[in-house]
Protein backbone atom coordinates (compact mmCIF):
# COMPACT_ATOMS: atom_id res chain seq x y z
CA ALA A 1 -4.31 -6.05 0.82
CA VAL A 2 -1.84 -8.22 2.71
CA VAL A 3 -2.63 -11.20 0.47
CA ALA A 4 -1.89 -9.08 -2.62
CA LEU A 5 1.47 -8.06 -1.17
CA ASN A 6 2.35 -11.75 -0.89
CA VAL A 7 1.80 -12.40 -4.59
CA SER A 8 5.11 -12.54 -6.40
CA HIS A 9 5.77 -13.27 -10.05
CA PRO A 10 8.38 -11.88 -12.48
CA LEU A 11 5.64 -10.26 -14.57
CA ILE A 12 4.24 -8.20 -11.67
CA ALA A 13 5.43 -4.63 -12.22
CA GLY A 14 4.23 -3.18 -8.91
CA TRP A 15 1.78 -3.41 -6.04
CA ILE A 16 -1.06 -1.24 -4.80
CA ALA A 17 -2.47 -2.06 -1.38
CA ILE A 18 -5.51 -0.31 0.06
CA ALA A 19 -5.56 0.03 3.85
CA PRO A 20 -3.31 -2.93 4.64
CA PRO A 21 -3.60 -3.84 8.34
CA VAL A 22 -0.19 -4.03 10.01
CA GLN A 23 -1.61 -6.50 12.55
CA MET A 24 -1.96 -9.09 9.76
CA MET A 25 1.72 -8.82 8.80
CA ALA A 26 3.47 -11.22 11.16
CA HIS A 27 6.43 -10.96 8.79
CA ASP A 28 7.20 -8.81 5.78
CA PRO A 29 5.24 -9.86 2.69
CA LEU A 30 7.08 -11.10 -0.39
CA ALA A 31 6.69 -7.75 -2.16
CA ALA A 32 8.61 -5.90 0.56
CA GLN A 33 12.04 -6.62 -0.88
CA LYS A 34 11.08 -6.80 -4.55
CA PRO A 35 12.35 -3.88 -6.66
CA GLY A 36 8.94 -2.99 -8.17
CA PRO A 37 7.11 0.02 -6.75
CA LYS A 38 4.70 -0.46 -3.87
CA ILE A 39 2.05 2.16 -3.19
CA LEU A 40 0.13 1.70 0.04
CA LEU A 41 -3.02 3.78 0.45
CA SER A 42 -3.53 4.53 4.13
CA PRO A 43 -6.72 6.20 5.39
CA GLN A 44 -6.08 9.04 7.83
CA HIS A 45 -8.66 7.72 10.32
CA ASP A 46 -8.18 3.98 9.75
CA GLN A 47 -9.52 2.02 12.73
CA PHE A 48 -6.98 -0.78 12.26
CA THR A 49 -3.69 0.81 11.21
CA THR A 50 -2.73 4.48 11.26
CA PRO A 51 -0.60 5.96 8.47
CA THR A 52 2.21 6.39 11.02
CA GLU A 53 2.07 2.70 11.98
CA LEU A 54 2.12 1.71 8.32
CA ARG A 55 5.10 3.97 7.57
CA THR A 56 6.98 2.49 10.53
CA LYS A 57 6.25 -1.07 9.42
CA THR A 58 7.31 -0.42 5.82
CA ASN A 59 10.27 1.86 6.52
CA ASP A 60 12.81 -0.67 5.21
CA TRP A 61 10.78 -1.94 2.25
CA LYS A 62 12.29 -1.31 -1.19
CA ASN A 63 10.62 1.31 -3.38
CA CYS A 64 7.60 1.79 -1.11
CA ASP A 65 5.42 4.87 -0.78
CA VAL A 66 2.64 5.30 1.82
CA VAL A 67 -0.03 7.70 0.58
CA GLU A 68 -2.28 9.09 3.30
CA LEU A 69 -5.94 9.44 2.29
CA LEU A 70 -7.27 12.45 4.16
CA SER A 71 -10.59 12.61 6.00
CA VAL A 72 -11.57 8.93 5.56
CA ASP A 73 -11.55 5.78 7.67
CA HIS A 74 -10.91 2.14 6.75
CA SER A 75 -14.07 2.03 4.60
CA ILE A 76 -12.79 4.88 2.37
CA SER A 77 -16.20 6.30 1.56
CA ALA A 78 -14.85 9.11 -0.64
CA GLY A 79 -11.95 9.48 -3.02
CA ALA A 80 -11.06 5.81 -3.38
CA THR A 81 -11.40 5.73 -7.15
CA GLN A 82 -9.16 8.74 -7.71
CA ALA A 83 -6.58 7.48 -5.19
CA CYS A 84 -6.40 4.11 -6.97
CA VAL A 85 -6.19 5.71 -10.42
CA SER A 86 -3.36 7.99 -9.25
CA ALA A 87 -1.47 5.06 -7.71
CA LEU A 88 -1.86 2.99 -10.88
CA GLN A 89 -0.71 5.88 -13.07
CA LYS A 90 2.37 6.30 -10.91
CA ILE A 91 3.25 2.60 -11.28
CA LEU A 92 2.60 2.60 -15.03
CA GLU A 93 4.97 5.56 -15.43
CA THR A 94 7.80 3.33 -14.19
CA LEU A 95 7.35 0.82 -17.01
C-alpha cells in the first residue's frame, strides 16, 4: 500500500490503499499532497496500524479519506471486495 502511494503520474486520478502501515511511512508519500482523492481502507483490528493512527498520520494530506473496515484485522478476511469496489466507485465519481 505504501509503495502504491508513492506512485505519481499525471494520469493517475486517485489512490486506494488497503491497510497501509504507518510504520513504513518515514515521510509522507508522493500522493499525500497531490490533489487526486486518496481512500485508505483501515481494518478496525489491524495489528500494525490502527484507524486512529492512520487518521493522525494523514490528517494534513490533501483530499484523503480513511475508511474503517469493521470487525476485521490486517488480513481482511471479509468484506474486502465490497470495500474496494466502493472506494473505486467513489474515485470514479470524481472524474
